[in-house]
């Protein structure tokens, strides 16, 4: 295996550095893609520490650090921090402060999936209460956040999942999060889809992280001039679009990568702050929860990685550090 647990010296604290005790860090699909190095454009120089997301507590700060103090909770400001560790010393600009009153698991899972969901809903179509969105892989971390953030703004969601042995349980879980409809990929092709659109409008926005057939089927239900945003490709198949969708319905196809958004907004701390505040408010109100999690001590990381790579994994593995 590429991964092993190692003891490293904690480096000396520079003037602009922050010494952090990590508390919890999840295992996300992108972390595994990054380690496998096959399809991911972000490859850290080796040897490297895995993990792009997590939460820690500030222990000590360098003498020129102004925005953080001991006791503050912090999350990565960007991907590639290497969060699967017990301690770390990081430059101040690589960390974002989060309120200490939000639950550890919410903070640990905040910087990738909820931020992605927030941007997907905000940046492509100006949605208003009563509008609808359709998404595939709706049970993913991003999918669960989309359901909850949309619900809080009165936006309806049509959620597509793969058929599976425990489907009724999954449907129940997504409905409890605020999903309006949960359907399987097979149902997308059925005439009964028309019934859904008796009570809610056709979606103006489709969110795709699968590719292949699932995407083509989803696109058929999009409103004319609607937008489909692709932010992942779990089926490892291209997005196929019928010519008629372009000519007669003028649909738009866009792409999104959270890492790129952060690069583009590196000098725009205001839009980062607005997003983080909005998400923390939703968490405080109980309108945005951490995805279903299984907490695993760091020494059991191998088992946690194996579990997270199984098909239909319904619980996110979180390393407790």
Foldseek 3Di string as FASTA:
>chain_A
DQDDDDDDDADDAAQQKWKWFFFKAFDDPVQVCQSVVDPDPDHDPPPAATGFFGKTFTCCHHNNHDPDHGGWMKIFLFGRPRRLDRMHMGGPLRIDTADPPFDRLCRRLPPAQLLVLVCLQPPDDNDAAQAEEEEEPLLHQNNLNNQLVCQVRNYAYEYEYADDDPVVVSQVVSVVLHHPHYYYLVCLPDPCVVVVCVRGPQHLEYEYAAADPSQQSSLVRHAQQGEYEYEHHNPPYHHDYDPCCCVVRVYHYYYDYVNVVSVVCVVPVPVVVVSSVVSVVCSVVVSGDGFAADEDESVCVVVLVVLVPDPPNNHIYMYGD
